[in-house]
PDB file of N, CA and C in Angstrom:
ATOM      1  N   MET A   1      -7.358 -25.657  24.235  1.00  0.00           N
ATOM      2  CA  MET A   1      -6.399 -24.911  23.452  1.00  0.00           C
ATOM      3  C   MET A   1      -7.114 -24.320  22.222  1.00  0.00           C
ATOM      4  N   PRO A   2      -6.927 -23.013  21.924  1.00  0.00           N
ATOM      5  CA  PRO A   2      -7.630 -22.402  20.805  1.00  0.00           C
ATOM      6  C   PRO A   2      -7.092 -22.894  19.459  1.00  0.00           C
ATOM      7  N   SER A   3      -7.971 -22.880  18.477  1.00  0.00           N
ATOM      8  CA  SER A   3      -7.611 -23.321  17.131  1.00  0.00           C
ATOM      9  C   SER A   3      -6.768 -22.256  16.429  1.00  0.00           C
ATOM     10  N   LYS A   4      -5.772 -22.666  15.643  1.00  0.00           N
ATOM     11  CA  LYS A   4      -4.889 -21.724  14.954  1.00  0.00           C
ATOM     12  C   LYS A   4      -5.182 -21.622  13.467  1.00  0.00           C
ATOM     13  N   LYS A   5      -6.168 -22.360  12.957  1.00  0.00           N
ATOM     14  CA  LYS A   5      -6.339 -22.409  11.518  1.00  0.00           C
ATOM     15  C   LYS A   5      -7.032 -21.180  10.922  1.00  0.00           C
ATOM     16  N   ASN A   6      -7.788 -20.411  11.670  1.00  0.00           N
ATOM     17  CA  ASN A   6      -8.498 -19.269  11.115  1.00  0.00           C
ATOM     18  C   ASN A   6      -8.030 -17.988  11.807  1.00  0.00           C
ATOM     19  N   LYS A   7      -6.896 -17.435  11.379  1.00  0.00           N
ATOM     20  CA  LYS A   7      -6.321 -16.250  12.016  1.00  0.00           C
ATOM     21  C   LYS A   7      -6.429 -15.002  11.155  1.00  0.00           C
ATOM     22  N   ARG A   8      -7.161 -15.036  10.025  1.00  0.00           N
ATOM     23  CA  ARG A   8      -7.274 -13.878   9.150  1.00  0.00           C
ATOM     24  C   ARG A   8      -8.112 -12.783   9.788  1.00  0.00           C
ATOM     25  N   ALA A   9      -7.823 -11.539   9.401  1.00  0.00           N
ATOM     26  CA  ALA A   9      -8.637 -10.421   9.857  1.00  0.00           C
ATOM     27  C   ALA A   9      -9.950 -10.426   9.094  1.00  0.00           C
ATOM     28  N   LYS A  10     -11.006 -10.151   9.770  1.00  0.00           N
ATOM     29  CA  LYS A  10     -12.310 -10.148   9.133  1.00  0.00           C
ATOM     30  C   LYS A  10     -12.645  -8.740   8.654  1.00  0.00           C
ATOM     31  N   CYS A  11     -13.142  -8.641   7.448  1.00  0.00           N
ATOM     32  CA  CYS A  11     -13.523  -7.357   6.866  1.00  0.00           C
ATOM     33  C   CYS A  11     -14.909  -6.978   7.370  1.00  0.00           C
ATOM     34  N   THR A  12     -15.021  -5.797   7.922  1.00  0.00           N
ATOM     35  CA  THR A  12     -16.319  -5.317   8.371  1.00  0.00           C
ATOM     36  C   THR A  12     -16.696  -4.123   7.518  1.00  0.00           C
ATOM     37  N   HIS A  13     -17.888  -4.152   6.999  1.00  0.00           N
ATOM     38  CA  HIS A  13     -18.363  -3.062   6.151  1.00  0.00           C
ATOM     39  C   HIS A  13     -19.234  -2.099   6.950  1.00  0.00           C
ATOM     40  N   GLY A  14     -18.948  -1.949   8.191  1.00  0.00           N
ATOM     41  CA  GLY A  14     -19.722  -1.069   9.051  1.00  0.00           C
ATOM     42  C   GLY A  14     -19.135   0.325   9.062  1.00  0.00           C
ATOM     43  N   LYS A  15     -19.101   0.914  10.228  1.00  0.00           N
ATOM     44  CA  LYS A  15     -18.651   2.293  10.351  1.00  0.00           C
ATOM     45  C   LYS A  15     -17.142   2.455  10.188  1.00  0.00           C
ATOM     46  N   ASP A  16     -16.350   1.391  10.357  1.00  0.00           N
ATOM     47  CA  ASP A  16     -14.901   1.484  10.207  1.00  0.00           C
ATOM     48  C   ASP A  16     -14.453   1.402   8.762  1.00  0.00           C
ATOM     49  N   PHE A  17     -15.362   1.144   7.826  1.00  0.00           N
ATOM     50  CA  PHE A  17     -14.989   0.912   6.441  1.00  0.00           C
ATOM     51  C   PHE A  17     -14.392   2.155   5.778  1.00  0.00           C
ATOM     52  N   ASN A  18     -14.836   3.366   6.118  1.00  0.00           N
ATOM     53  CA  ASN A  18     -14.361   4.585   5.462  1.00  0.00           C
ATOM     54  C   ASN A  18     -13.215   5.263   6.204  1.00  0.00           C
ATOM     55  N   GLN A  19     -12.641   4.619   7.173  1.00  0.00           N
ATOM     56  CA  GLN A  19     -11.540   5.225   7.895  1.00  0.00           C
ATOM     57  C   GLN A  19     -10.247   5.109   7.105  1.00  0.00           C
ATOM     58  N   GLU A  20      -9.210   5.806   7.576  1.00  0.00           N
ATOM     59  CA  GLU A  20      -7.924   5.790   6.889  1.00  0.00           C
ATOM     60  C   GLU A  20      -7.181   4.492   7.137  1.00  0.00           C
ATOM     61  N   MET A  21      -6.335   4.145   6.188  1.00  0.00           N
ATOM     62  CA  MET A  21      -5.472   2.990   6.323  1.00  0.00           C
ATOM     63  C   MET A  21      -4.087   3.378   5.827  1.00  0.00           C
ATOM     64  N   VAL A  22      -3.087   2.583   6.136  1.00  0.00           N
ATOM     65  CA  VAL A  22      -1.712   2.849   5.740  1.00  0.00           C
ATOM     66  C   VAL A  22      -1.327   1.856   4.651  1.00  0.00           C
ATOM     67  N   ILE A  23      -0.814   2.391   3.536  1.00  0.00           N
ATOM     68  CA  ILE A  23      -0.295   1.530   2.479  1.00  0.00           C
ATOM     69  C   ILE A  23       1.162   1.903   2.242  1.00  0.00           C
ATOM     70  N   PHE A  24       1.941   0.963   1.765  1.00  0.00           N
ATOM     71  CA  PHE A  24       3.342   1.199   1.472  1.00  0.00           C
ATOM     72  C   PHE A  24       3.546   1.194  -0.037  1.00  0.00           C
ATOM     73  N   ILE A  25       4.239   2.226  -0.535  1.00  0.00           N
ATOM     74  CA  ILE A  25       4.526   2.351  -1.961  1.00  0.00           C
ATOM     75  C   ILE A  25       6.033   2.272  -2.134  1.00  0.00           C
ATOM     76  N   GLY A  26       6.467   1.391  -3.022  1.00  0.00           N
ATOM     77  CA  GLY A  26       7.897   1.198  -3.250  1.00  0.00           C
ATOM     78  C   GLY A  26       8.369   1.860  -4.529  1.00  0.00           C
ATOM     79  N   LEU A  27       9.663   2.135  -4.591  1.00  0.00           N
ATOM     80  CA  LEU A  27      10.282   2.753  -5.751  1.00  0.00           C
ATOM     81  C   LEU A  27      10.842   1.662  -6.650  1.00  0.00           C
ATOM     82  N   MET A  28      10.621   1.798  -7.963  1.00  0.00           N
ATOM     83  CA  MET A  28      11.148   0.860  -8.944  1.00  0.00           C
ATOM     84  C   MET A  28      12.138   1.611  -9.838  1.00  0.00           C
ATOM     85  N   GLU A  29      13.119   0.881 -10.361  1.00  0.00           N
ATOM     86  CA  GLU A  29      14.142   1.490 -11.211  1.00  0.00           C
ATOM     87  C   GLU A  29      14.245   0.687 -12.506  1.00  0.00           C
ATOM     88  N   TRP A  30      14.400   1.397 -13.636  1.00  0.00           N
ATOM     89  CA  TRP A  30      14.520   0.739 -14.925  1.00  0.00           C
ATOM     90  C   TRP A  30      15.946   0.227 -15.102  1.00  0.00           C
ATOM     91  N   SER A  31      16.072  -1.044 -15.440  1.00  0.00           N
ATOM     92  CA  SER A  31      17.369  -1.658 -15.680  1.00  0.00           C
ATOM     93  C   SER A  31      17.596  -1.731 -17.192  1.00  0.00           C
ATOM     94  N   LYS A  32      18.581  -0.977 -17.691  1.00  0.00           N
ATOM     95  CA  LYS A  32      18.843  -0.955 -19.134  1.00  0.00           C
ATOM     96  C   LYS A  32      19.413  -2.281 -19.624  1.00  0.00           C
ATOM     97  N   GLU A  33      20.225  -2.922 -18.795  1.00  0.00           N
ATOM     98  CA  GLU A  33      20.837  -4.188 -19.203  1.00  0.00           C
ATOM     99  C   GLU A  33      19.801  -5.288 -19.404  1.00  0.00           C
ATOM    100  N   GLU A  34      18.835  -5.364 -18.497  1.00  0.00           N
ATOM    101  CA  GLU A  34      17.838  -6.419 -18.557  1.00  0.00           C
ATOM    102  C   GLU A  34      16.510  -5.959 -19.155  1.00  0.00           C
ATOM    103  N   SER A  35      16.377  -4.673 -19.434  1.00  0.00           N
ATOM    104  CA  SER A  35      15.168  -4.078 -20.022  1.00  0.00           C
ATOM    105  C   SER A  35      13.903  -4.394 -19.226  1.00  0.00           C
ATOM    106  N   ASN A  36      13.974  -4.179 -17.907  1.00  0.00           N
ATOM    107  CA  ASN A  36      12.794  -4.366 -17.072  1.00  0.00           C
ATOM    108  C   ASN A  36      12.900  -3.511 -15.815  1.00  0.00           C
ATOM    109  N   LEU A  37      11.806  -3.459 -15.062  1.00  0.00           N
ATOM    110  CA  LEU A  37      11.762  -2.716 -13.810  1.00  0.00           C
ATOM    111  C   LEU A  37      12.223  -3.602 -12.666  1.00  0.00           C
ATOM    112  N   LYS A  38      13.027  -3.024 -11.782  1.00  0.00           N
ATOM    113  CA  LYS A  38      13.479  -3.742 -10.596  1.00  0.00           C
ATOM    114  C   LYS A  38      13.173  -2.889  -9.365  1.00  0.00           C
ATOM    115  N   PRO A  39      12.730  -3.507  -8.285  1.00  0.00           N
ATOM    116  CA  PRO A  39      12.463  -2.744  -7.057  1.00  0.00           C
ATOM    117  C   PRO A  39      13.766  -2.294  -6.403  1.00  0.00           C
ATOM    118  N   LYS A  40      13.745  -1.064  -5.898  1.00  0.00           N
ATOM    119  CA  LYS A  40      14.892  -0.538  -5.153  1.00  0.00           C
ATOM    120  C   LYS A  40      14.727  -0.964  -3.701  1.00  0.00           C
ATOM    121  N   ARG A  41      15.753  -1.562  -3.153  1.00  0.00           N
ATOM    122  CA  ARG A  41      15.690  -2.017  -1.765  1.00  0.00           C
ATOM    123  C   ARG A  41      15.692  -0.816  -0.807  1.00  0.00           C
ATOM    124  N   ARG A  42      14.901  -0.956   0.252  1.00  0.00           N
ATOM    125  CA  ARG A  42      14.788   0.062   1.307  1.00  0.00           C
ATOM    126  C   ARG A  42      14.358   1.427   0.771  1.00  0.00           C
ATOM    127  N   LYS A  43      13.617   1.466  -0.320  1.00  0.00           N
ATOM    128  CA  LYS A  43      13.100   2.719  -0.862  1.00  0.00           C
ATOM    129  C   LYS A  43      11.580   2.622  -0.956  1.00  0.00           C
ATOM    130  N   HIS A  44      10.913   2.824   0.171  1.00  0.00           N
ATOM    131  CA  HIS A  44       9.461   2.820   0.198  1.00  0.00           C
ATOM    132  C   HIS A  44       8.977   3.848   1.197  1.00  0.00           C
ATOM    133  N   LEU A  45       7.713   4.222   1.058  1.00  0.00           N
ATOM    134  CA  LEU A  45       7.147   5.180   1.997  1.00  0.00           C
ATOM    135  C   LEU A  45       5.742   4.746   2.371  1.00  0.00           C
ATOM    136  N   ALA A  46       5.318   5.162   3.529  1.00  0.00           N
ATOM    137  CA  ALA A  46       3.988   4.827   4.028  1.00  0.00           C
ATOM    138  C   ALA A  46       3.051   6.004   3.777  1.00  0.00           C
ATOM    139  N   LEU A  47       1.874   5.711   3.264  1.00  0.00           N
ATOM    140  CA  LEU A  47       0.862   6.732   3.017  1.00  0.00           C
ATOM    141  C   LEU A  47      -0.392   6.416   3.812  1.00  0.00           C
ATOM    142  N   LYS A  48      -0.970   7.431   4.424  1.00  0.00           N
ATOM    143  CA  LYS A  48      -2.267   7.294   5.081  1.00  0.00           C
ATOM    144  C   LYS A  48      -3.316   7.823   4.119  1.00  0.00           C
ATOM    145  N   VAL A  49      -4.207   6.947   3.698  1.00  0.00           N
ATOM    146  CA  VAL A  49      -5.272   7.316   2.769  1.00  0.00           C
ATOM    147  C   VAL A  49      -6.574   6.676   3.228  1.00  0.00           C
ATOM    148  N   SER A  50      -7.683   7.216   2.726  1.00  0.00           N
ATOM    149  CA  SER A  50      -8.967   6.592   3.043  1.00  0.00           C
ATOM    150  C   SER A  50      -9.128   5.345   2.186  1.00  0.00           C
ATOM    151  N   ARG A  51      -9.956   4.442   2.642  1.00  0.00           N
ATOM    152  CA  ARG A  51     -10.124   3.160   1.946  1.00  0.00           C
ATOM    153  C   ARG A  51     -10.732   3.318   0.560  1.00  0.00           C
ATOM    154  N   ASP A  52     -11.503   4.360   0.335  1.00  0.00           N
ATOM    155  CA  ASP A  52     -12.157   4.523  -0.958  1.00  0.00           C
ATOM    156  C   ASP A  52     -11.490   5.598  -1.815  1.00  0.00           C
ATOM    157  N   ALA A  53     -10.223   5.923  -1.543  1.00  0.00           N
ATOM    158  CA  ALA A  53      -9.503   6.948  -2.309  1.00  0.00           C
ATOM    159  C   ALA A  53      -9.191   6.431  -3.709  1.00  0.00           C
ATOM    160  N   PRO A  54      -9.424   7.258  -4.742  1.00  0.00           N
ATOM    161  CA  PRO A  54      -9.102   6.839  -6.110  1.00  0.00           C
ATOM    162  C   PRO A  54      -7.593   6.899  -6.368  1.00  0.00           C
ATOM    163  N   TYR A  55      -7.199   6.364  -7.499  1.00  0.00           N
ATOM    164  CA  TYR A  55      -5.790   6.288  -7.877  1.00  0.00           C
ATOM    165  C   TYR A  55      -5.134   7.663  -7.909  1.00  0.00           C
ATOM    166  N   LYS A  56      -5.831   8.677  -8.418  1.00  0.00           N
ATOM    167  CA  LYS A  56      -5.251  10.022  -8.529  1.00  0.00           C
ATOM    168  C   LYS A  56      -4.845  10.576  -7.166  1.00  0.00           C
ATOM    169  N   VAL A  57      -5.658  10.339  -6.159  1.00  0.00           N
ATOM    170  CA  VAL A  57      -5.358  10.814  -4.804  1.00  0.00           C
ATOM    171  C   VAL A  57      -4.108  10.121  -4.278  1.00  0.00           C
ATOM    172  N   LEU A  58      -4.020   8.812  -4.503  1.00  0.00           N
ATOM    173  CA  LEU A  58      -2.834   8.067  -4.065  1.00  0.00           C
ATOM    174  C   LEU A  58      -1.578   8.610  -4.745  1.00  0.00           C
ATOM    175  N   LEU A  59      -1.659   8.841  -6.038  1.00  0.00           N
ATOM    176  CA  LEU A  59      -0.515   9.352  -6.789  1.00  0.00           C
ATOM    177  C   LEU A  59      -0.109  10.730  -6.304  1.00  0.00           C
ATOM    178  N   GLU A  60      -1.054  11.627  -6.097  1.00  0.00           N
ATOM    179  CA  GLU A  60      -0.741  12.979  -5.620  1.00  0.00           C
ATOM    180  C   GLU A  60      -0.072  12.946  -4.248  1.00  0.00           C
ATOM    181  N   LYS A  61      -0.615  12.144  -3.339  1.00  0.00           N
ATOM    182  CA  LYS A  61      -0.029  12.066  -1.996  1.00  0.00           C
ATOM    183  C   LYS A  61       1.369  11.452  -2.030  1.00  0.00           C
ATOM    184  N   ALA A  62       1.568  10.441  -2.874  1.00  0.00           N
ATOM    185  CA  ALA A  62       2.876   9.808  -2.968  1.00  0.00           C
ATOM    186  C   ALA A  62       3.919  10.770  -3.525  1.00  0.00           C
ATOM    187  N   VAL A  63       3.574  11.512  -4.570  1.00  0.00           N
ATOM    188  CA  VAL A  63       4.506  12.484  -5.161  1.00  0.00           C
ATOM    189  C   VAL A  63       4.800  13.605  -4.177  1.00  0.00           C
ATOM    190  N   GLU A  64       3.784  14.067  -3.478  1.00  0.00           N
ATOM    191  CA  GLU A  64       3.967  15.129  -2.488  1.00  0.00           C
ATOM    192  C   GLU A  64       4.884  14.689  -1.347  1.00  0.00           C
ATOM    193  N   LYS A  65       4.692  13.465  -0.876  1.00  0.00           N
ATOM    194  CA  LYS A  65       5.493  12.986   0.251  1.00  0.00           C
ATOM    195  C   LYS A  65       6.920  12.636  -0.161  1.00  0.00           C
ATOM    196  N   TRP A  66       7.090  12.095  -1.391  1.00  0.00           N
ATOM    197  CA  TRP A  66       8.409  11.706  -1.840  1.00  0.00           C
ATOM    198  C   TRP A  66       9.278  12.944  -1.983  1.00  0.00           C
TER     199      TRP A  66
END
């Protein structure tokens, strides 16, 4: 019977490292009563970006898609 203790995905820094991946970005809403940010339920989107994309690229793609 195979062991179940090591089921994590292994990171490979080979040729697959620079390929695209999918990340999910959620929407947050400011709550005036509690003076903090709260996540909006069922308000998220999936973005396909390269693994080495900087923050600005992520922000531009998220704003464009939203």
